[in-house]
């Protein structure tokens, strides 16, 4: 099997540019994946806080007969919209059911 050197005196400029471009592309993809991982962790943390808020609201609401169901929609809306989304879900539950 012949040995293929990565860089030698006969390596053309196009090959060097291709290696540099490939390394730059790998770097950009890695940064994009790390940023997505951080955003996903932040979203998961907010979803956890939303679950705790719904459980707390159900605990306090049981004193006055109010219950907010714990399902994907009631978690997803406040996770994305924050406190206004939580108020929206609670108000809709109160008005519709």
C-alpha atoms as a PDB file:
ATOM      1  CA  UNK A   1       0.000   0.000   0.000  1.00  0.00           C
ATOM      2  CA  UNK A   2       1.539   3.323  -0.988  1.00  0.00           C
ATOM      3  CA  UNK A   3       2.130   5.930   1.633  1.00  0.00           C
ATOM      4  CA  UNK A   4       0.324   9.223   0.983  1.00  0.00           C
ATOM      5  CA  UNK A   5       1.859  12.211   2.746  1.00  0.00           C
ATOM      6  CA  UNK A   6      -0.487  14.963   3.868  1.00  0.00           C
ATOM      7  CA  UNK A   7       1.852  17.788   3.053  1.00  0.00           C
ATOM      8  CA  UNK A   8       4.947  17.513   0.942  1.00  0.00           C
ATOM      9  CA  UNK A   9       6.860  19.570  -1.576  1.00  0.00           C
ATOM     10  CA  UNK A  10       4.543  18.336  -4.328  1.00  0.00           C
ATOM     11  CA  UNK A  11       1.313  19.210  -2.470  1.00  0.00           C
ATOM     12  CA  UNK A  12      -0.566  21.782  -4.487  1.00  0.00           C
ATOM     13  CA  UNK A  13      -2.005  25.000  -3.185  1.00  0.00           C
ATOM     14  CA  UNK A  14      -5.524  23.700  -3.841  1.00  0.00           C
ATOM     15  CA  UNK A  15      -5.014  20.844  -1.391  1.00  0.00           C
ATOM     16  CA  UNK A  16      -3.769  23.195   1.308  1.00  0.00           C
ATOM     17  CA  UNK A  17      -6.755  25.488   0.781  1.00  0.00           C
ATOM     18  CA  UNK A  18      -9.080  22.477   0.930  1.00  0.00           C
ATOM     19  CA  UNK A  19      -7.555  21.369   4.270  1.00  0.00           C
ATOM     20  CA  UNK A  20      -7.902  24.883   5.714  1.00  0.00           C
ATOM     21  CA  UNK A  21     -11.484  25.133   4.487  1.00  0.00           C
ATOM     22  CA  UNK A  22     -12.360  21.714   5.955  1.00  0.00           C
ATOM     23  CA  UNK A  23     -10.883  22.658   9.337  1.00  0.00           C
ATOM     24  CA  UNK A  24     -12.780  25.957   9.324  1.00  0.00           C
ATOM     25  CA  UNK A  25     -15.998  24.142   8.446  1.00  0.00           C
ATOM     26  CA  UNK A  26     -15.478  21.623  11.269  1.00  0.00           C
ATOM     27  CA  UNK A  27     -14.871  24.473  13.699  1.00  0.00           C
ATOM     28  CA  UNK A  28     -18.074  26.256  12.660  1.00  0.00           C
ATOM     29  CA  UNK A  29     -20.138  23.070  12.928  1.00  0.00           C
ATOM     30  CA  UNK A  30     -18.741  22.372  16.402  1.00  0.00           C
ATOM     31  CA  UNK A  31     -19.632  25.896  17.560  1.00  0.00           C
ATOM     32  CA  UNK A  32     -23.136  25.554  16.169  1.00  0.00           C
ATOM     33  CA  UNK A  33     -23.669  22.244  17.951  1.00  0.00           C
ATOM     34  CA  UNK A  34     -22.364  23.621  21.253  1.00  0.00           C
ATOM     35  CA  UNK A  35     -24.625  26.657  20.981  1.00  0.00           C
ATOM     36  CA  UNK A  36     -27.616  24.390  20.291  1.00  0.00           C
ATOM     37  CA  UNK A  37     -26.674  22.279  23.305  1.00  0.00           C
ATOM     38  CA  UNK A  38     -26.634  25.361  25.532  1.00  0.00           C
ATOM     39  CA  UNK A  39     -29.977  26.558  24.181  1.00  0.00           C
ATOM     40  CA  UNK A  40     -31.474  23.105  24.675  1.00  0.00           C
ATOM     41  CA  UNK A  41     -30.249  23.030  28.258  1.00  0.00           C
ATOM     42  CA  UNK A  42     -31.771  26.430  28.894  1.00  0.00           C
ATOM     43  CA  UNK A  43     -35.085  25.292  27.404  1.00  0.00           C
ATOM     44  CA  UNK A  44     -35.046  22.125  29.496  1.00  0.00           C
ATOM     45  CA  UNK A  45     -34.384  24.174  32.641  1.00  0.00           C
ATOM     46  CA  UNK A  46     -37.290  26.475  31.886  1.00  0.00           C
ATOM     47  CA  UNK A  47     -39.528  23.451  31.314  1.00  0.00           C
ATOM     48  CA  UNK A  48     -38.520  22.129  34.727  1.00  0.00           C
ATOM     49  CA  UNK A  49     -39.375  25.439  36.356  1.00  0.00           C
ATOM     50  CA  UNK A  50     -42.721  25.430  34.571  1.00  0.00           C
ATOM     51  CA  UNK A  51     -43.516  21.961  35.923  1.00  0.00           C
ATOM     52  CA  UNK A  52     -42.677  23.133  39.444  1.00  0.00           C
ATOM     53  CA  UNK A  53     -44.845  26.235  38.997  1.00  0.00           C
ATOM     54  CA  UNK A  54     -47.812  24.138  37.816  1.00  0.00           C
ATOM     55  CA  UNK A  55     -47.399  21.778  40.772  1.00  0.00           C
ATOM     56  CA  UNK A  56     -47.206  24.751  43.151  1.00  0.00           C
ATOM     57  CA  UNK A  57     -50.260  26.355  41.538  1.00  0.00           C
ATOM     58  CA  UNK A  58     -52.173  23.081  41.861  1.00  0.00           C
ATOM     59  CA  UNK A  59     -51.214  22.851  45.534  1.00  0.00           C
ATOM     60  CA  UNK A  60     -52.399  26.359  46.288  1.00  0.00           C
ATOM     61  CA  UNK A  61     -55.332  26.110  43.877  1.00  0.00           C
ATOM     62  CA  UNK A  62     -56.646  22.989  45.580  1.00  0.00           C
ATOM     63  CA  UNK A  63     -57.637  25.210  48.497  1.00  0.00           C
ATOM     64  CA  UNK A  64     -60.061  27.125  46.266  1.00  0.00           C
ATOM     65  CA  UNK A  65     -60.936  24.339  43.828  1.00  0.00           C
ATOM     66  CA  UNK A  66     -58.644  25.366  40.946  1.00  0.00           C
ATOM     67  CA  UNK A  67     -56.648  22.781  38.985  1.00  0.00           C
ATOM     68  CA  UNK A  68     -54.287  23.231  36.032  1.00  0.00           C
ATOM     69  CA  UNK A  69     -53.623  19.962  34.177  1.00  0.00           C
ATOM     70  CA  UNK A  70     -50.028  18.884  33.762  1.00  0.00           C
ATOM     71  CA  UNK A  71     -49.707  18.033  30.049  1.00  0.00           C
ATOM     72  CA  UNK A  72     -47.340  18.930  27.195  1.00  0.00           C
ATOM     73  CA  UNK A  73     -49.351  21.981  26.086  1.00  0.00           C
ATOM     74  CA  UNK A  74     -49.512  23.511  29.561  1.00  0.00           C
ATOM     75  CA  UNK A  75     -45.762  22.993  29.870  1.00  0.00           C
ATOM     76  CA  UNK A  76     -44.695  24.056  26.371  1.00  0.00           C
ATOM     77  CA  UNK A  77     -46.529  27.400  26.203  1.00  0.00           C
ATOM     78  CA  UNK A  78     -45.101  28.832  29.472  1.00  0.00           C
ATOM     79  CA  UNK A  79     -41.679  27.364  28.669  1.00  0.00           C
ATOM     80  CA  UNK A  80     -41.499  29.349  25.452  1.00  0.00           C
ATOM     81  CA  UNK A  81     -43.409  32.494  26.492  1.00  0.00           C
ATOM     82  CA  UNK A  82     -42.326  32.707  30.129  1.00  0.00           C
ATOM     83  CA  UNK A  83     -44.495  34.273  32.821  1.00  0.00           C
ATOM     84  CA  UNK A  84     -47.027  35.796  30.367  1.00  0.00           C
ATOM     85  CA  UNK A  85     -47.496  32.327  28.858  1.00  0.00           C
ATOM     86  CA  UNK A  86     -48.077  30.863  32.304  1.00  0.00           C
ATOM     87  CA  UNK A  87     -50.687  33.535  33.027  1.00  0.00           C
ATOM     88  CA  UNK A  88     -52.304  32.870  29.652  1.00  0.00           C
ATOM     89  CA  UNK A  89     -52.597  29.121  30.283  1.00  0.00           C
ATOM     90  CA  UNK A  90     -53.933  29.660  33.811  1.00  0.00           C
ATOM     91  CA  UNK A  91     -56.476  32.234  32.618  1.00  0.00           C
ATOM     92  CA  UNK A  92     -57.647  30.068  29.716  1.00  0.00           C
ATOM     93  CA  UNK A  93     -58.062  27.100  32.054  1.00  0.00           C
ATOM     94  CA  UNK A  94     -60.071  29.245  34.450  1.00  0.00           C
ATOM     95  CA  UNK A  95     -62.298  30.760  31.740  1.00  0.00           C
ATOM     96  CA  UNK A  96     -62.891  27.659  29.607  1.00  0.00           C
ATOM     97  CA  UNK A  97     -63.164  24.888  32.154  1.00  0.00           C
END
